[in-house]
């Protein structure tokens, strides 16, 4: 969610699994390449613009190297409930988002 990561394709690539898929708050389905191409122009990517604020996060280990994370975000008066599956394929690699879904929430 940090602007410097959202604005940098190289940094974002390190956090998105090669098989990444997202269903955004708009209902649009994104694959990894589409997200990497668009991310720098999306809300939250500018140091002087609005920033994502994350609420409490809860994580559940689904299996070794697989975690389900849920949390809430706010940006520019909009709220969303978020759900991500992160996976770490092996000890030599970092955690990457495999699947993400954002659902608009009332009461922005």
N, C-alpha and C. Protein backbone atom coordinates (compact mmCIF):
# COMPACT_ATOMS: atom_id res chain seq x y z
N UNK A 1 0.81 -1.20 0.00
CA UNK A 1 0.00 0.00 0.00
C UNK A 1 0.85 1.26 0.00
N UNK A 2 2.13 1.15 0.27
CA UNK A 2 3.01 2.32 0.32
C UNK A 2 3.15 2.94 -1.07
N UNK A 3 3.07 4.27 -1.14
CA UNK A 3 3.18 4.93 -2.45
C UNK A 3 4.45 4.56 -3.22
N UNK A 4 5.57 4.44 -2.52
CA UNK A 4 6.82 4.13 -3.22
C UNK A 4 6.79 2.74 -3.86
N UNK A 5 6.05 1.83 -3.29
CA UNK A 5 5.91 0.48 -3.88
C UNK A 5 4.93 0.53 -5.04
N UNK A 6 3.80 1.21 -4.85
CA UNK A 6 2.79 1.30 -5.91
C UNK A 6 3.34 2.01 -7.15
N UNK A 7 4.24 2.97 -6.94
CA UNK A 7 4.79 3.75 -8.05
C UNK A 7 5.95 3.04 -8.75
N UNK A 8 6.47 1.98 -8.17
CA UNK A 8 7.64 1.29 -8.72
C UNK A 8 7.27 -0.10 -9.23
N UNK A 9 7.35 -0.29 -10.52
CA UNK A 9 7.06 -1.60 -11.09
C UNK A 9 7.98 -2.67 -10.50
N UNK A 10 9.25 -2.34 -10.35
CA UNK A 10 10.22 -3.31 -9.84
C UNK A 10 9.85 -3.76 -8.42
N UNK A 11 9.49 -2.82 -7.56
CA UNK A 11 9.11 -3.19 -6.19
C UNK A 11 7.80 -3.98 -6.17
N UNK A 12 6.83 -3.55 -6.99
CA UNK A 12 5.54 -4.24 -7.04
C UNK A 12 5.70 -5.66 -7.58
N UNK A 13 6.56 -5.85 -8.56
CA UNK A 13 6.79 -7.19 -9.12
C UNK A 13 7.21 -8.18 -8.04
N UNK A 14 8.00 -7.70 -7.08
CA UNK A 14 8.47 -8.56 -6.01
C UNK A 14 7.38 -9.01 -5.05
N UNK A 15 6.22 -8.34 -5.08
CA UNK A 15 5.12 -8.67 -4.15
C UNK A 15 3.95 -9.39 -4.82
N UNK A 16 3.96 -9.47 -6.14
CA UNK A 16 2.87 -10.14 -6.86
C UNK A 16 3.35 -11.48 -7.40
N UNK A 17 2.66 -12.52 -7.03
CA UNK A 17 2.95 -13.86 -7.50
C UNK A 17 2.84 -13.92 -9.02
N UNK A 18 3.63 -14.75 -9.70
CA UNK A 18 3.49 -14.87 -11.15
C UNK A 18 2.08 -15.24 -11.60
N UNK A 19 1.29 -15.91 -10.74
CA UNK A 19 -0.08 -16.29 -11.09
C UNK A 19 -1.11 -15.37 -10.43
N UNK A 20 -0.71 -14.18 -10.04
CA UNK A 20 -1.58 -13.22 -9.36
C UNK A 20 -2.87 -12.94 -10.12
N UNK A 21 -3.96 -12.86 -9.35
CA UNK A 21 -5.28 -12.48 -9.86
C UNK A 21 -5.93 -11.59 -8.80
N UNK A 22 -6.62 -10.56 -9.24
CA UNK A 22 -7.37 -9.70 -8.33
C UNK A 22 -8.74 -9.42 -8.89
N UNK A 23 -9.71 -9.38 -7.99
CA UNK A 23 -11.04 -8.85 -8.30
C UNK A 23 -11.12 -7.56 -7.49
N UNK A 24 -11.06 -6.43 -8.18
CA UNK A 24 -11.00 -5.14 -7.52
C UNK A 24 -12.36 -4.69 -7.00
N UNK A 25 -12.33 -3.60 -6.23
CA UNK A 25 -13.56 -3.04 -5.67
C UNK A 25 -14.52 -2.62 -6.78
N UNK A 26 -13.99 -2.34 -7.96
CA UNK A 26 -14.82 -1.97 -9.11
C UNK A 26 -15.51 -3.17 -9.75
N UNK A 27 -15.05 -4.37 -9.37
CA UNK A 27 -15.56 -5.59 -10.00
C UNK A 27 -14.68 -6.07 -11.14
N UNK A 28 -13.69 -5.28 -11.50
CA UNK A 28 -12.78 -5.65 -12.59
C UNK A 28 -11.84 -6.77 -12.15
N UNK A 29 -11.58 -7.68 -13.07
CA UNK A 29 -10.62 -8.75 -12.83
C UNK A 29 -9.27 -8.32 -13.40
N UNK A 30 -8.23 -8.43 -12.59
CA UNK A 30 -6.88 -8.05 -12.99
C UNK A 30 -5.98 -9.28 -12.98
N UNK A 31 -5.07 -9.36 -13.95
CA UNK A 31 -4.00 -10.35 -13.85
C UNK A 31 -2.73 -9.59 -13.49
N UNK A 32 -1.66 -10.29 -13.32
CA UNK A 32 -0.41 -9.66 -12.85
C UNK A 32 0.06 -8.56 -13.79
N UNK A 33 0.12 -8.85 -15.06
CA UNK A 33 0.64 -7.87 -16.01
C UNK A 33 -0.23 -6.61 -16.07
N UNK A 34 -1.53 -6.78 -16.08
CA UNK A 34 -2.43 -5.62 -16.11
C UNK A 34 -2.27 -4.77 -14.85
N UNK A 35 -2.13 -5.42 -13.70
CA UNK A 35 -1.96 -4.68 -12.46
C UNK A 35 -0.63 -3.94 -12.45
N UNK A 36 0.44 -4.60 -12.86
CA UNK A 36 1.74 -3.94 -12.88
C UNK A 36 1.75 -2.74 -13.83
N UNK A 37 1.05 -2.85 -14.95
CA UNK A 37 1.00 -1.76 -15.92
C UNK A 37 0.20 -0.57 -15.39
N UNK A 38 -0.81 -0.82 -14.57
CA UNK A 38 -1.72 0.24 -14.12
C UNK A 38 -1.40 0.80 -12.74
N UNK A 39 -0.71 0.07 -11.92
CA UNK A 39 -0.56 0.40 -10.50
C UNK A 39 0.00 1.80 -10.25
N UNK A 40 0.99 2.22 -10.99
CA UNK A 40 1.61 3.53 -10.76
C UNK A 40 0.64 4.69 -10.99
N UNK A 41 -0.41 4.47 -11.80
CA UNK A 41 -1.39 5.51 -12.07
C UNK A 41 -2.62 5.44 -11.19
N UNK A 42 -2.67 4.50 -10.28
CA UNK A 42 -3.84 4.31 -9.42
C UNK A 42 -3.72 5.15 -8.14
N UNK A 43 -4.85 5.29 -7.47
CA UNK A 43 -4.88 6.00 -6.19
C UNK A 43 -3.88 5.37 -5.23
N UNK A 44 -3.23 6.22 -4.45
CA UNK A 44 -2.29 5.75 -3.46
C UNK A 44 -0.87 5.62 -3.93
N UNK A 45 -0.60 5.93 -5.22
CA UNK A 45 0.74 5.78 -5.76
C UNK A 45 1.57 7.05 -5.69
N UNK A 46 0.96 8.15 -5.32
CA UNK A 46 1.66 9.43 -5.28
C UNK A 46 2.01 9.80 -3.84
N UNK A 47 3.24 10.24 -3.65
CA UNK A 47 3.69 10.65 -2.31
C UNK A 47 2.86 11.80 -1.75
N UNK A 48 2.36 12.68 -2.63
CA UNK A 48 1.61 13.84 -2.15
C UNK A 48 0.10 13.70 -2.32
N UNK A 49 -0.35 12.52 -2.71
CA UNK A 49 -1.79 12.28 -2.88
C UNK A 49 -2.37 11.50 -1.71
N UNK A 50 -3.61 11.07 -1.84
CA UNK A 50 -4.24 10.28 -0.77
C UNK A 50 -3.50 8.95 -0.59
N UNK A 51 -3.49 8.48 0.63
CA UNK A 51 -2.81 7.22 0.95
C UNK A 51 -3.81 6.22 1.53
N UNK A 52 -3.54 4.97 1.27
CA UNK A 52 -4.36 3.92 1.88
C UNK A 52 -4.07 3.85 3.37
N UNK A 53 -5.13 3.74 4.15
CA UNK A 53 -5.01 3.50 5.58
C UNK A 53 -5.61 2.12 5.83
N UNK A 54 -4.84 1.26 6.43
CA UNK A 54 -5.31 -0.11 6.67
C UNK A 54 -5.79 -0.26 8.10
N UNK A 55 -6.90 -0.98 8.25
CA UNK A 55 -7.44 -1.30 9.57
C UNK A 55 -6.79 -2.56 10.10
N UNK A 56 -7.30 -3.07 11.18
CA UNK A 56 -6.73 -4.29 11.77
C UNK A 56 -6.69 -5.43 10.75
N UNK A 57 -5.59 -6.16 10.77
CA UNK A 57 -5.42 -7.30 9.86
C UNK A 57 -5.49 -8.59 10.66
N UNK A 58 -6.07 -9.59 10.01
CA UNK A 58 -6.14 -10.92 10.59
C UNK A 58 -5.59 -11.90 9.58
N UNK A 59 -4.70 -12.76 10.02
CA UNK A 59 -4.13 -13.76 9.13
C UNK A 59 -4.38 -15.16 9.65
N UNK A 60 -4.62 -16.07 8.72
CA UNK A 60 -4.84 -17.47 9.05
C UNK A 60 -3.94 -18.31 8.15
N UNK A 61 -3.15 -19.18 8.76
CA UNK A 61 -2.31 -20.08 7.98
C UNK A 61 -3.20 -21.19 7.42
N UNK A 62 -3.25 -21.28 6.09
CA UNK A 62 -4.07 -22.30 5.44
C UNK A 62 -3.28 -23.59 5.24
N UNK A 63 -1.99 -23.45 5.01
CA UNK A 63 -1.09 -24.58 4.80
C UNK A 63 0.33 -24.00 4.88
N UNK A 64 1.35 -24.84 4.98
CA UNK A 64 2.71 -24.28 4.97
C UNK A 64 2.92 -23.43 3.71
N UNK A 65 3.36 -22.21 3.90
CA UNK A 65 3.61 -21.32 2.77
C UNK A 65 2.38 -20.70 2.16
N UNK A 66 1.23 -20.75 2.87
CA UNK A 66 -0.02 -20.20 2.34
C UNK A 66 -0.81 -19.54 3.47
N UNK A 67 -1.06 -18.22 3.35
CA UNK A 67 -1.74 -17.45 4.39
C UNK A 67 -2.88 -16.66 3.79
N UNK A 68 -4.01 -16.62 4.51
CA UNK A 68 -5.16 -15.80 4.12
C UNK A 68 -5.18 -14.59 5.03
N UNK A 69 -5.15 -13.39 4.45
CA UNK A 69 -5.11 -12.13 5.19
C UNK A 69 -6.39 -11.35 4.91
N UNK A 70 -7.05 -10.84 5.96
CA UNK A 70 -8.22 -9.98 5.78
C UNK A 70 -8.00 -8.67 6.53
N UNK A 71 -8.52 -7.59 5.95
CA UNK A 71 -8.37 -6.28 6.56
C UNK A 71 -9.30 -5.29 5.87
N UNK A 72 -9.34 -4.08 6.39
CA UNK A 72 -10.16 -3.01 5.83
C UNK A 72 -9.24 -1.87 5.43
N UNK A 73 -9.58 -1.18 4.33
CA UNK A 73 -8.82 0.01 3.94
C UNK A 73 -9.75 1.20 3.77
N UNK A 74 -9.14 2.37 3.89
CA UNK A 74 -9.82 3.64 3.60
C UNK A 74 -8.87 4.48 2.75
N UNK A 75 -9.45 5.13 1.73
CA UNK A 75 -8.69 6.08 0.93
C UNK A 75 -9.68 7.05 0.31
N UNK A 76 -9.39 8.32 0.42
CA UNK A 76 -10.25 9.34 -0.19
C UNK A 76 -11.71 9.21 0.17
N UNK A 77 -12.03 8.84 1.41
CA UNK A 77 -13.41 8.71 1.83
C UNK A 77 -14.10 7.41 1.44
N UNK A 78 -13.38 6.50 0.81
CA UNK A 78 -13.95 5.20 0.42
C UNK A 78 -13.39 4.10 1.32
N UNK A 79 -14.28 3.16 1.68
CA UNK A 79 -13.90 2.00 2.48
C UNK A 79 -14.00 0.75 1.63
N UNK A 80 -13.11 -0.21 1.90
CA UNK A 80 -13.20 -1.51 1.24
C UNK A 80 -12.77 -2.59 2.23
N UNK A 81 -13.43 -3.73 2.14
CA UNK A 81 -13.04 -4.92 2.88
C UNK A 81 -12.16 -5.73 1.94
N UNK A 82 -11.04 -6.21 2.43
CA UNK A 82 -10.06 -6.86 1.56
C UNK A 82 -9.70 -8.24 2.06
N UNK A 83 -9.43 -9.10 1.11
CA UNK A 83 -9.06 -10.48 1.38
C UNK A 83 -7.95 -10.86 0.42
N UNK A 84 -6.83 -11.33 0.95
CA UNK A 84 -5.69 -11.72 0.11
C UNK A 84 -5.19 -13.09 0.51
N UNK A 85 -4.73 -13.82 -0.47
CA UNK A 85 -4.02 -15.07 -0.21
C UNK A 85 -2.57 -14.84 -0.63
N UNK A 86 -1.68 -15.06 0.31
CA UNK A 86 -0.25 -14.88 0.09
C UNK A 86 0.40 -16.25 0.11
N UNK A 87 1.37 -16.42 -0.79
CA UNK A 87 2.09 -17.69 -0.76
C UNK A 87 3.59 -17.46 -0.85
N UNK A 88 4.28 -18.39 -0.24
CA UNK A 88 5.74 -18.39 -0.22
C UNK A 88 6.16 -19.77 -0.71
N UNK A 89 6.56 -19.86 -1.98
CA UNK A 89 6.80 -21.18 -2.56
C UNK A 89 7.95 -21.97 -1.95
N UNK A 90 8.98 -21.29 -1.46
CA UNK A 90 10.10 -22.00 -0.85
C UNK A 90 10.85 -21.09 0.11
N UNK A 91 11.79 -21.65 0.82
CA UNK A 91 12.53 -20.88 1.84
C UNK A 91 13.34 -19.73 1.25
N UNK A 92 13.76 -19.86 0.01
CA UNK A 92 14.59 -18.82 -0.60
C UNK A 92 13.81 -17.66 -1.19
N UNK A 93 12.50 -17.71 -1.14
CA UNK A 93 11.70 -16.65 -1.75
C UNK A 93 10.90 -15.91 -0.69
N UNK A 94 10.41 -14.74 -1.06
CA UNK A 94 9.59 -13.95 -0.15
C UNK A 94 8.11 -14.23 -0.36
N UNK A 95 7.30 -13.67 0.52
CA UNK A 95 5.85 -13.80 0.42
C UNK A 95 5.35 -12.96 -0.74
N UNK A 96 4.41 -13.50 -1.52
CA UNK A 96 3.82 -12.79 -2.65
C UNK A 96 2.31 -12.97 -2.65
N UNK A 97 1.62 -11.93 -3.10
CA UNK A 97 0.16 -12.01 -3.19
C UNK A 97 -0.22 -12.89 -4.37
N UNK A 98 -0.96 -13.94 -4.09
CA UNK A 98 -1.44 -14.87 -5.11
C UNK A 98 -2.84 -14.46 -5.59
N UNK A 99 -3.70 -14.05 -4.64
CA UNK A 99 -5.07 -13.65 -4.96
C UNK A 99 -5.47 -12.50 -4.05
N UNK A 100 -6.19 -11.55 -4.61
CA UNK A 100 -6.68 -10.41 -3.81
C UNK A 100 -8.08 -10.05 -4.26
N UNK A 101 -8.93 -9.72 -3.29
CA UNK A 101 -10.28 -9.25 -3.60
C UNK A 101 -10.61 -8.09 -2.70
N UNK A 102 -11.21 -7.06 -3.30
CA UNK A 102 -11.66 -5.88 -2.55
C UNK A 102 -13.17 -5.74 -2.76
N UNK A 103 -13.87 -5.53 -1.67
CA UNK A 103 -15.31 -5.35 -1.72
C UNK A 103 -15.65 -3.98 -1.13
N UNK A 104 -16.33 -3.10 -1.90
CA UNK A 104 -16.70 -1.81 -1.34
C UNK A 104 -17.54 -2.00 -0.09
N UNK A 105 -17.31 -1.14 0.90
CA UNK A 105 -18.05 -1.21 2.15
C UNK A 105 -18.82 0.09 2.35
N UNK A 106 -20.04 0.02 2.86
CA UNK A 106 -20.81 1.23 3.10
C UNK A 106 -20.21 2.04 4.25
N UNK A 107 -20.63 3.27 4.34
CA UNK A 107 -20.23 4.11 5.45
C UNK A 107 -18.83 4.66 5.34
N UNK A 108 -18.47 5.06 4.11
CA UNK A 108 -17.14 5.61 3.87
C UNK A 108 -16.83 6.74 4.77
